[in-house]
Amino acid sequence: MRPDLAVLTMAGLLDARPRVGYFCSGRKPGLMAVEEVHRLTVDTVKAVPVVVKGDTSIYDCIVAMFTEDTGTLFIVSETGHLEGVVSRKDLLKVAMGKGDLYKIPVRVVMTRVPNVVTIRGDEYVYEAAHRLMEHEIDSLPVVEPETENGKELLKVSGRFTKTTVTRIFVELGESSKPL
């Protein structure tokens, strides 16, 4: 096989059949990128979650947010189950108030489950990106449902952010550049 045709065949732009030879697949690079987004699962692209316990002070959450370079913290129980989320805006509102940031626990200002928008790891990247836009949020906790004592709990396994979407977009754009 000629190397130039092999590359085009691997990229999906050409098909090859015995006794027929090479022929145009009819697929365009842009459409292949869209197809890839519909095939990628969240588990394959998720990042490490940044979590804190509910009794963590607002001050410590602000420090964690800056040291971890994130815009959202996931609040978890002692067993690692999702209790809520807190964003930059949430912490800014409290910091602008007259409360003692060292004494106020984050659970006071967090958005609580079940009001937290989540995504499962086996769902597709397209669905995760759609949820980010639909709910106008910056980050989704990637969760795995668990049942404990008849109650459904959500174990945090990762995070999916606007930065994740941008990274996927750039990687797909780079992989479909003309040779």
N, C-alpha and C. Protein backbone atom coordinates (compact mmCIF):
# COMPACT_ATOMS: atom_id res chain seq x y z
N MET A 1 0.86 -1.17 0.00
CA MET A 1 0.00 0.00 0.00
C MET A 1 0.90 1.23 0.00
N ARG A 2 0.55 2.19 -0.81
CA ARG A 2 1.33 3.43 -0.85
C ARG A 2 1.12 4.20 0.44
N PRO A 3 2.20 4.76 1.00
CA PRO A 3 2.08 5.45 2.29
C PRO A 3 1.10 6.61 2.27
N ASP A 4 1.06 7.39 1.19
CA ASP A 4 0.14 8.54 1.16
C ASP A 4 -1.31 8.09 1.15
N LEU A 5 -1.60 7.01 0.44
CA LEU A 5 -2.97 6.49 0.41
C LEU A 5 -3.33 5.79 1.72
N ALA A 6 -2.33 5.19 2.36
CA ALA A 6 -2.57 4.54 3.64
C ALA A 6 -3.01 5.56 4.68
N VAL A 7 -2.37 6.71 4.70
CA VAL A 7 -2.73 7.76 5.64
C VAL A 7 -4.15 8.23 5.39
N LEU A 8 -4.51 8.45 4.16
CA LEU A 8 -5.87 8.90 3.82
C LEU A 8 -6.90 7.82 4.14
N THR A 9 -6.52 6.57 3.99
CA THR A 9 -7.42 5.47 4.33
C THR A 9 -7.63 5.41 5.84
N MET A 10 -6.54 5.54 6.61
CA MET A 10 -6.65 5.53 8.07
C MET A 10 -7.44 6.74 8.57
N ALA A 11 -7.36 7.86 7.87
CA ALA A 11 -8.11 9.06 8.26
C ALA A 11 -9.58 8.95 7.91
N GLY A 12 -9.94 7.94 7.11
CA GLY A 12 -11.34 7.74 6.75
C GLY A 12 -11.78 8.49 5.52
N LEU A 13 -10.86 9.16 4.84
CA LEU A 13 -11.21 9.91 3.63
C LEU A 13 -11.27 9.01 2.40
N LEU A 14 -10.51 7.92 2.44
CA LEU A 14 -10.53 6.94 1.35
C LEU A 14 -10.92 5.58 1.91
N ASP A 15 -11.54 4.78 1.06
CA ASP A 15 -11.78 3.38 1.38
C ASP A 15 -11.00 2.55 0.38
N ALA A 16 -10.68 1.34 0.77
CA ALA A 16 -9.96 0.45 -0.14
C ALA A 16 -10.63 -0.91 -0.12
N ARG A 17 -10.81 -1.48 -1.31
CA ARG A 17 -11.40 -2.81 -1.43
C ARG A 17 -10.57 -3.64 -2.40
N PRO A 18 -10.42 -4.93 -2.11
CA PRO A 18 -9.71 -5.79 -3.05
C PRO A 18 -10.40 -5.79 -4.41
N ARG A 19 -9.61 -5.78 -5.44
CA ARG A 19 -10.06 -5.81 -6.83
C ARG A 19 -10.79 -4.54 -7.27
N VAL A 20 -11.00 -3.62 -6.35
CA VAL A 20 -11.64 -2.36 -6.71
C VAL A 20 -10.60 -1.25 -6.65
N GLY A 21 -9.81 -1.28 -5.58
CA GLY A 21 -8.80 -0.25 -5.39
C GLY A 21 -9.27 0.80 -4.40
N TYR A 22 -8.72 1.99 -4.54
CA TYR A 22 -9.05 3.10 -3.65
C TYR A 22 -10.19 3.90 -4.23
N PHE A 23 -11.06 4.38 -3.34
CA PHE A 23 -12.14 5.26 -3.77
C PHE A 23 -12.51 6.18 -2.62
N CYS A 24 -13.09 7.31 -2.97
CA CYS A 24 -13.46 8.33 -1.99
C CYS A 24 -14.58 7.79 -1.10
N SER A 25 -14.41 7.95 0.20
CA SER A 25 -15.41 7.45 1.15
C SER A 25 -16.62 8.37 1.23
N GLY A 26 -16.45 9.60 0.77
CA GLY A 26 -17.55 10.57 0.84
C GLY A 26 -17.66 11.25 2.19
N ARG A 27 -16.81 10.89 3.12
CA ARG A 27 -16.82 11.51 4.44
C ARG A 27 -15.90 12.72 4.44
N LYS A 28 -16.35 13.78 5.06
CA LYS A 28 -15.56 15.00 5.15
C LYS A 28 -14.90 15.06 6.51
N PRO A 29 -13.69 15.64 6.60
CA PRO A 29 -12.99 15.69 7.89
C PRO A 29 -13.82 16.32 9.00
N GLY A 30 -14.56 17.36 8.71
CA GLY A 30 -15.39 18.02 9.73
C GLY A 30 -16.47 17.10 10.26
N LEU A 31 -17.07 16.32 9.38
CA LEU A 31 -18.10 15.38 9.80
C LEU A 31 -17.51 14.26 10.64
N MET A 32 -16.28 13.86 10.33
CA MET A 32 -15.64 12.81 11.11
C MET A 32 -15.38 13.30 12.53
N ALA A 33 -15.04 14.58 12.70
CA ALA A 33 -14.84 15.14 14.03
C ALA A 33 -16.15 15.12 14.81
N VAL A 34 -17.24 15.45 14.16
CA VAL A 34 -18.55 15.43 14.80
C VAL A 34 -18.90 14.00 15.21
N GLU A 35 -18.64 13.05 14.33
CA GLU A 35 -18.90 11.64 14.65
C GLU A 35 -18.09 11.20 15.86
N GLU A 36 -16.85 11.66 15.93
CA GLU A 36 -15.99 11.29 17.06
C GLU A 36 -16.54 11.83 18.37
N VAL A 37 -17.06 13.05 18.37
CA VAL A 37 -17.64 13.63 19.58
C VAL A 37 -18.85 12.83 20.04
N HIS A 38 -19.59 12.29 19.10
CA HIS A 38 -20.75 11.47 19.44
C HIS A 38 -20.35 10.07 19.90
N ARG A 39 -19.11 9.65 19.66
CA ARG A 39 -18.64 8.33 20.08
C ARG A 39 -17.84 8.37 21.38
N LEU A 40 -17.20 9.50 21.68
CA LEU A 40 -16.37 9.62 22.88
C LEU A 40 -17.23 9.58 24.14
N THR A 41 -16.80 8.80 25.11
CA THR A 41 -17.50 8.81 26.40
C THR A 41 -16.79 9.74 27.37
N VAL A 42 -17.53 10.20 28.34
CA VAL A 42 -16.99 11.12 29.34
C VAL A 42 -15.83 10.48 30.10
N ASP A 43 -15.92 9.18 30.37
CA ASP A 43 -14.84 8.48 31.09
C ASP A 43 -13.50 8.61 30.38
N THR A 44 -13.50 8.70 29.06
CA THR A 44 -12.24 8.75 28.31
C THR A 44 -11.57 10.12 28.34
N VAL A 45 -12.30 11.16 28.75
CA VAL A 45 -11.75 12.52 28.72
C VAL A 45 -11.85 13.25 30.06
N LYS A 46 -12.45 12.65 31.05
CA LYS A 46 -12.67 13.35 32.32
C LYS A 46 -11.35 13.67 33.00
N ALA A 47 -11.40 14.72 33.83
CA ALA A 47 -10.23 15.14 34.61
C ALA A 47 -10.42 14.69 36.06
N VAL A 48 -9.37 14.83 36.83
CA VAL A 48 -9.42 14.49 38.26
C VAL A 48 -10.31 15.51 38.97
N PRO A 49 -11.24 15.06 39.79
CA PRO A 49 -12.11 16.01 40.48
C PRO A 49 -11.38 16.71 41.62
N VAL A 50 -11.78 17.93 41.89
CA VAL A 50 -11.25 18.67 43.04
C VAL A 50 -12.37 18.68 44.08
N VAL A 51 -12.14 17.95 45.17
CA VAL A 51 -13.19 17.75 46.17
C VAL A 51 -12.75 18.27 47.53
N VAL A 52 -13.74 18.70 48.30
CA VAL A 52 -13.54 19.09 49.70
C VAL A 52 -14.72 18.55 50.50
N LYS A 53 -14.54 18.47 51.79
CA LYS A 53 -15.62 18.03 52.69
C LYS A 53 -16.52 19.22 53.01
N GLY A 54 -17.75 18.93 53.41
CA GLY A 54 -18.74 19.96 53.70
C GLY A 54 -18.39 20.88 54.84
N ASP A 55 -17.55 20.42 55.78
CA ASP A 55 -17.19 21.27 56.92
C ASP A 55 -15.95 22.12 56.66
N THR A 56 -15.41 22.08 55.44
CA THR A 56 -14.26 22.91 55.08
C THR A 56 -14.67 24.38 55.09
N SER A 57 -13.82 25.24 55.62
CA SER A 57 -14.16 26.67 55.71
C SER A 57 -14.15 27.32 54.33
N ILE A 58 -14.87 28.40 54.20
CA ILE A 58 -14.92 29.16 52.95
C ILE A 58 -13.50 29.60 52.58
N TYR A 59 -12.73 30.05 53.55
CA TYR A 59 -11.36 30.49 53.30
C TYR A 59 -10.54 29.35 52.68
N ASP A 60 -10.61 28.16 53.27
CA ASP A 60 -9.86 27.01 52.75
C ASP A 60 -10.34 26.61 51.35
N CYS A 61 -11.62 26.79 51.07
CA CYS A 61 -12.15 26.51 49.73
C CYS A 61 -11.60 27.49 48.70
N ILE A 62 -11.51 28.75 49.09
CA ILE A 62 -10.94 29.77 48.19
C ILE A 62 -9.48 29.42 47.89
N VAL A 63 -8.74 29.04 48.92
CA VAL A 63 -7.34 28.65 48.73
C VAL A 63 -7.25 27.42 47.83
N ALA A 64 -8.08 26.42 48.08
CA ALA A 64 -8.08 25.19 47.27
C ALA A 64 -8.41 25.51 45.81
N MET A 65 -9.36 26.40 45.60
CA MET A 65 -9.76 26.75 44.25
C MET A 65 -8.60 27.37 43.47
N PHE A 66 -7.84 28.23 44.14
CA PHE A 66 -6.71 28.87 43.46
C PHE A 66 -5.52 27.94 43.31
N THR A 67 -5.24 27.14 44.33
CA THR A 67 -4.07 26.25 44.22
C THR A 67 -4.33 25.12 43.22
N GLU A 68 -5.56 24.69 43.08
CA GLU A 68 -5.89 23.63 42.13
C GLU A 68 -6.26 24.18 40.76
N ASP A 69 -6.32 25.50 40.63
CA ASP A 69 -6.65 26.17 39.37
C ASP A 69 -7.94 25.64 38.77
N THR A 70 -9.00 25.75 39.55
CA THR A 70 -10.32 25.28 39.11
C THR A 70 -11.36 26.34 39.44
N GLY A 71 -12.50 26.26 38.79
CA GLY A 71 -13.57 27.21 39.03
C GLY A 71 -14.70 26.63 39.86
N THR A 72 -14.64 25.32 40.11
CA THR A 72 -15.70 24.65 40.84
C THR A 72 -15.10 23.60 41.75
N LEU A 73 -15.61 23.53 42.97
CA LEU A 73 -15.23 22.48 43.91
C LEU A 73 -16.43 21.58 44.13
N PHE A 74 -16.19 20.29 44.22
CA PHE A 74 -17.25 19.33 44.53
C PHE A 74 -17.18 19.00 46.00
N ILE A 75 -18.32 19.10 46.66
CA ILE A 75 -18.39 18.84 48.09
C ILE A 75 -18.83 17.39 48.28
N VAL A 76 -18.03 16.64 49.03
CA VAL A 76 -18.31 15.21 49.21
C VAL A 76 -18.42 14.87 50.69
N SER A 77 -19.08 13.74 50.94
CA SER A 77 -19.20 13.21 52.30
C SER A 77 -17.90 12.50 52.66
N GLU A 78 -17.85 11.96 53.85
CA GLU A 78 -16.67 11.20 54.30
C GLU A 78 -16.42 9.99 53.40
N THR A 79 -17.47 9.45 52.79
CA THR A 79 -17.33 8.26 51.94
C THR A 79 -17.10 8.62 50.47
N GLY A 80 -16.98 9.92 50.16
CA GLY A 80 -16.72 10.34 48.78
C GLY A 80 -17.95 10.51 47.92
N HIS A 81 -19.12 10.53 48.54
CA HIS A 81 -20.36 10.72 47.79
C HIS A 81 -20.69 12.21 47.67
N LEU A 82 -21.19 12.58 46.52
CA LEU A 82 -21.49 13.99 46.22
C LEU A 82 -22.58 14.54 47.12
N GLU A 83 -22.28 15.67 47.74
CA GLU A 83 -23.26 16.39 48.55
C GLU A 83 -23.66 17.71 47.90
N GLY A 84 -22.72 18.31 47.13
CA GLY A 84 -23.03 19.59 46.50
C GLY A 84 -21.84 20.11 45.72
N VAL A 85 -22.00 21.31 45.17
CA VAL A 85 -20.93 21.99 44.44
C VAL A 85 -20.89 23.45 44.88
N VAL A 86 -19.72 24.04 44.72
CA VAL A 86 -19.57 25.47 45.00
C VAL A 86 -18.71 26.07 43.90
N SER A 87 -19.13 27.22 43.40
CA SER A 87 -18.42 27.88 42.30
C SER A 87 -17.70 29.13 42.79
N ARG A 88 -16.93 29.73 41.88
CA ARG A 88 -16.25 31.00 42.19
C ARG A 88 -17.26 32.05 42.62
N LYS A 89 -18.37 32.11 41.89
CA LYS A 89 -19.39 33.12 42.21
C LYS A 89 -19.94 32.93 43.61
N ASP A 90 -20.19 31.67 43.99
CA ASP A 90 -20.71 31.39 45.34
C ASP A 90 -19.75 31.90 46.40
N LEU A 91 -18.48 31.61 46.20
CA LEU A 91 -17.47 32.02 47.19
C LEU A 91 -17.27 33.53 47.18
N LEU A 92 -17.37 34.15 46.02
CA LEU A 92 -17.22 35.61 45.94
C LEU A 92 -18.34 36.32 46.70
N LYS A 93 -19.57 35.81 46.56
CA LYS A 93 -20.70 36.41 47.28
C LYS A 93 -20.45 36.40 48.79
N VAL A 94 -19.96 35.27 49.29
CA VAL A 94 -19.71 35.16 50.73
C VAL A 94 -18.55 36.05 51.14
N ALA A 95 -17.51 36.08 50.34
CA ALA A 95 -16.32 36.88 50.66
C ALA A 95 -16.65 38.37 50.70
N MET A 96 -17.60 38.79 49.89
CA MET A 96 -17.99 40.21 49.87
C MET A 96 -18.85 40.57 51.07
N GLY A 97 -19.43 39.57 51.72
CA GLY A 97 -20.25 39.81 52.91
C GLY A 97 -19.38 40.06 54.12
N LYS A 98 -20.01 40.13 55.28
CA LYS A 98 -19.28 40.46 56.50
C LYS A 98 -19.03 39.24 57.38
N GLY A 99 -19.22 38.05 56.83
CA GLY A 99 -19.01 36.84 57.62
C GLY A 99 -17.54 36.50 57.79
N ASP A 100 -17.26 35.68 58.78
CA ASP A 100 -15.89 35.23 59.04
C ASP A 100 -15.60 34.03 58.14
N LEU A 101 -14.77 34.23 57.13
CA LEU A 101 -14.48 33.20 56.13
C LEU A 101 -13.80 31.98 56.74
N TYR A 102 -13.17 32.16 57.89
CA TYR A 102 -12.48 31.05 58.55
C TYR A 102 -13.45 30.15 59.32
N LYS A 103 -14.65 30.65 59.60
CA LYS A 103 -15.60 29.89 60.42
C LYS A 103 -16.80 29.36 59.65
N ILE A 104 -17.14 29.95 58.52
CA ILE A 104 -18.32 29.51 57.77
C ILE A 104 -17.97 28.26 56.97
N PRO A 105 -18.69 27.15 57.21
CA PRO A 105 -18.43 25.94 56.43
C PRO A 105 -19.04 26.07 55.03
N VAL A 106 -18.42 25.41 54.07
CA VAL A 106 -18.85 25.52 52.68
C VAL A 106 -20.26 24.96 52.47
N ARG A 107 -20.69 24.04 53.29
CA ARG A 107 -22.03 23.46 53.11
C ARG A 107 -23.13 24.51 53.25
N VAL A 108 -22.81 25.65 53.88
CA VAL A 108 -23.79 26.72 54.04
C VAL A 108 -24.11 27.39 52.69
N VAL A 109 -23.13 27.46 51.79
CA VAL A 109 -23.33 28.20 50.53
C VAL A 109 -23.38 27.30 49.29
N MET A 110 -23.13 26.00 49.44
CA MET A 110 -23.08 25.12 48.27
C MET A 110 -24.46 24.88 47.68
N THR A 111 -24.47 24.52 46.40
CA THR A 111 -25.68 24.03 45.76
C THR A 111 -25.76 22.55 46.10
N ARG A 112 -26.87 22.14 46.66
CA ARG A 112 -26.99 20.77 47.17
C ARG A 112 -27.58 19.80 46.15
N VAL A 113 -27.16 18.53 46.29
CA VAL A 113 -27.80 17.44 45.57
C VAL A 113 -29.22 17.41 46.09
N PRO A 114 -30.25 17.33 45.31
CA PRO A 114 -30.35 16.90 43.92
C PRO A 114 -30.36 18.05 42.91
N ASN A 115 -30.04 19.25 43.33
CA ASN A 115 -30.05 20.40 42.42
C ASN A 115 -28.75 20.53 41.62
N VAL A 116 -27.85 19.59 41.77
CA VAL A 116 -26.58 19.60 41.06
C VAL A 116 -26.74 18.85 39.74
N VAL A 117 -26.29 19.47 38.65
CA VAL A 117 -26.32 18.83 37.33
C VAL A 117 -25.09 17.94 37.24
N THR A 118 -25.29 16.66 36.93
CA THR A 118 -24.19 15.70 36.88
C THR A 118 -24.17 14.99 35.53
N ILE A 119 -23.14 14.18 35.33
CA ILE A 119 -23.01 13.34 34.13
C ILE A 119 -22.39 12.01 34.58
N ARG A 120 -22.83 10.93 33.98
CA ARG A 120 -22.22 9.62 34.26
C ARG A 120 -21.05 9.41 33.30
N GLY A 121 -20.11 8.61 33.69
CA GLY A 121 -18.93 8.34 32.88
C GLY A 121 -19.22 7.62 31.58
N ASP A 122 -20.31 6.84 31.54
CA ASP A 122 -20.63 6.10 30.32
C ASP A 122 -21.46 6.91 29.33
N GLU A 123 -21.78 8.15 29.67
CA GLU A 123 -22.52 9.01 28.74
C GLU A 123 -21.53 9.65 27.76
N TYR A 124 -22.07 10.21 26.69
CA TYR A 124 -21.22 10.74 25.63
C TYR A 124 -20.85 12.20 25.87
N VAL A 125 -19.68 12.56 25.34
CA VAL A 125 -19.14 13.92 25.46
C VAL A 125 -20.14 14.94 24.93
N TYR A 126 -20.82 14.62 23.84
CA TYR A 126 -21.80 15.54 23.27
C TYR A 126 -22.87 15.89 24.32
N GLU A 127 -23.37 14.89 25.03
CA GLU A 127 -24.39 15.11 26.05
C GLU A 127 -23.85 15.98 27.19
N ALA A 128 -22.60 15.73 27.59
CA ALA A 128 -21.99 16.53 28.66
C ALA A 128 -21.86 17.99 28.23
N ALA A 129 -21.38 18.22 27.00
CA ALA A 129 -21.24 19.59 26.50
C ALA A 129 -22.61 20.26 26.41
N HIS A 130 -23.60 19.51 26.00
CA HIS A 130 -24.97 20.04 25.91
C HIS A 130 -25.47 20.48 27.29
N ARG A 131 -25.20 19.69 28.31
CA ARG A 131 -25.63 20.05 29.67
C ARG A 131 -24.93 21.31 30.16
N LEU A 132 -23.64 21.43 29.85
CA LEU A 132 -22.92 22.65 30.25
C LEU A 132 -23.60 23.88 29.66
N MET A 133 -23.93 23.81 28.39
CA MET A 133 -24.57 24.95 27.72
C MET A 133 -25.99 25.17 28.23
N GLU A 134 -26.76 24.11 28.30
CA GLU A 134 -28.16 24.22 28.70
C GLU A 134 -28.32 24.84 30.09
N HIS A 135 -27.46 24.45 31.02
CA HIS A 135 -27.57 24.93 32.39
C HIS A 135 -26.65 26.11 32.69
N GLU A 136 -25.89 26.54 31.67
CA GLU A 136 -24.98 27.70 31.79
C GLU A 136 -24.06 27.56 33.00
N ILE A 137 -23.37 26.40 33.04
CA ILE A 137 -22.43 26.13 34.12
C ILE A 137 -21.05 25.84 33.53
N ASP A 138 -20.03 25.87 34.38
CA ASP A 138 -18.65 25.68 33.93
C ASP A 138 -18.15 24.25 34.08
N SER A 139 -18.81 23.45 34.93
CA SER A 139 -18.26 22.15 35.27
C SER A 139 -19.36 21.17 35.67
N LEU A 140 -19.14 19.91 35.34
CA LEU A 140 -20.04 18.84 35.75
C LEU A 140 -19.26 17.81 36.56
N PRO A 141 -19.80 17.38 37.70
CA PRO A 141 -19.16 16.26 38.37
C PRO A 141 -19.50 14.97 37.60
N VAL A 142 -18.49 14.15 37.36
CA VAL A 142 -18.72 12.85 36.74
C VAL A 142 -18.99 11.90 37.90
N VAL A 143 -20.14 11.25 37.86
CA VAL A 143 -20.57 10.43 39.00
C VAL A 143 -20.93 9.02 38.56
N GLU A 144 -20.83 8.12 39.52
CA GLU A 144 -21.26 6.74 39.35
C GLU A 144 -22.30 6.47 40.44
N PRO A 145 -23.55 6.16 40.04
CA PRO A 145 -24.59 5.91 41.05
C PRO A 145 -24.30 4.64 41.86
N GLU A 146 -24.53 4.71 43.15
CA GLU A 146 -24.39 3.57 44.06
C GLU A 146 -25.61 3.54 44.96
N THR A 147 -25.98 2.36 45.38
CA THR A 147 -27.09 2.23 46.31
C THR A 147 -26.55 1.76 47.65
N GLU A 148 -26.91 2.49 48.69
CA GLU A 148 -26.47 2.16 50.04
C GLU A 148 -27.66 2.29 50.98
N ASN A 149 -28.02 1.20 51.62
CA ASN A 149 -29.19 1.16 52.51
C ASN A 149 -30.46 1.61 51.80
N GLY A 150 -30.62 1.22 50.54
CA GLY A 150 -31.81 1.57 49.77
C GLY A 150 -31.83 3.00 49.27
N LYS A 151 -30.77 3.74 49.51
CA LYS A 151 -30.70 5.14 49.09
C LYS A 151 -29.68 5.28 47.96
N GLU A 152 -30.05 6.02 46.91
CA GLU A 152 -29.12 6.22 45.80
C GLU A 152 -28.15 7.35 46.13
N LEU A 153 -26.87 7.03 46.04
CA LEU A 153 -25.81 8.00 46.28
C LEU A 153 -24.97 8.13 45.02
N LEU A 154 -24.27 9.24 44.89
CA LEU A 154 -23.45 9.50 43.71
C LEU A 154 -21.97 9.58 44.11
N LYS A 155 -21.18 8.62 43.65
CA LYS A 155 -19.74 8.59 43.91
C LYS A 155 -19.06 9.45 42.85
N VAL A 156 -18.27 10.43 43.26
CA VAL A 156 -17.58 11.33 42.34
C VAL A 156 -16.35 10.62 41.77
N SER A 157 -16.27 10.54 40.43
CA SER A 157 -15.14 9.86 39.80
C SER A 157 -14.33 10.79 38.88
N GLY A 158 -14.82 12.01 38.66
CA GLY A 158 -14.09 12.92 37.78
C GLY A 158 -14.83 14.23 37.62
N ARG A 159 -14.33 15.04 36.69
CA ARG A 159 -14.99 16.31 36.36
C ARG A 159 -14.90 16.52 34.86
N PHE A 160 -15.92 17.16 34.33
CA PHE A 160 -16.00 17.50 32.92
C PHE A 160 -16.27 19.00 32.86
N THR A 161 -15.37 19.76 32.20
CA THR A 161 -15.45 21.21 32.22
C THR A 161 -15.47 21.80 30.81
N LYS A 162 -15.67 23.10 30.76
CA LYS A 162 -15.58 23.80 29.47
C LYS A 162 -14.18 23.66 28.89
N THR A 163 -13.17 23.60 29.74
CA THR A 163 -11.80 23.39 29.28
C THR A 163 -11.66 22.02 28.62
N THR A 164 -12.35 21.02 29.15
CA THR A 164 -12.34 19.68 28.54
C THR A 164 -12.89 19.75 27.13
N VAL A 165 -13.99 20.46 26.96
CA VAL A 165 -14.60 20.61 25.63
C VAL A 165 -13.63 21.29 24.68
N THR A 166 -12.98 22.34 25.15
CA THR A 166 -12.03 23.07 24.31
C THR A 166 -10.85 22.18 23.92
N ARG A 167 -10.34 21.41 24.88
CA ARG A 167 -9.22 20.50 24.59
C ARG A 167 -9.61 19.47 23.53
N ILE A 168 -10.80 18.90 23.64
CA ILE A 168 -11.28 17.92 22.66
C ILE A 168 -11.38 18.57 21.28
N PHE A 169 -11.93 19.77 21.24
CA PHE A 169 -12.10 20.50 19.99
C PHE A 169 -10.75 20.74 19.31
N VAL A 170 -9.76 21.19 20.10
CA VAL A 170 -8.43 21.45 19.56
C VAL A 170 -7.77 20.15 19.08
N GLU A 171 -7.88 19.09 19.86
CA GLU A 171 -7.28 17.80 19.47
C GLU A 171 -7.91 17.27 18.20
N LEU A 172 -9.22 17.37 18.08
CA LEU A 172 -9.89 16.91 16.87
C LEU A 172 -9.50 17.77 15.67
N GLY A 173 -9.35 19.08 15.89
CA GLY A 173 -8.93 19.98 14.83
C GLY A 173 -7.52 19.67 14.35
N GLU A 174 -6.65 19.35 15.29
CA GLU A 174 -5.27 19.01 14.91
C GLU A 174 -5.20 17.69 14.17
N SER A 175 -6.03 16.73 14.55
CA SER A 175 -5.98 15.43 13.90
C SER A 175 -6.60 15.45 12.51
N SER A 176 -7.39 16.48 12.20
CA SER A 176 -8.02 16.52 10.87
C SER A 176 -7.38 17.57 9.97
N LYS A 177 -6.19 18.08 10.35
CA LYS A 177 -5.50 19.05 9.50
C LYS A 177 -5.09 18.36 8.19
N PRO A 178 -5.15 19.09 7.09
CA PRO A 178 -4.69 18.51 5.83
C PRO A 178 -3.20 18.22 5.88
N LEU A 179 -2.80 17.15 5.19
CA LEU A 179 -1.38 16.75 5.19
C LEU A 179 -0.56 17.63 4.29
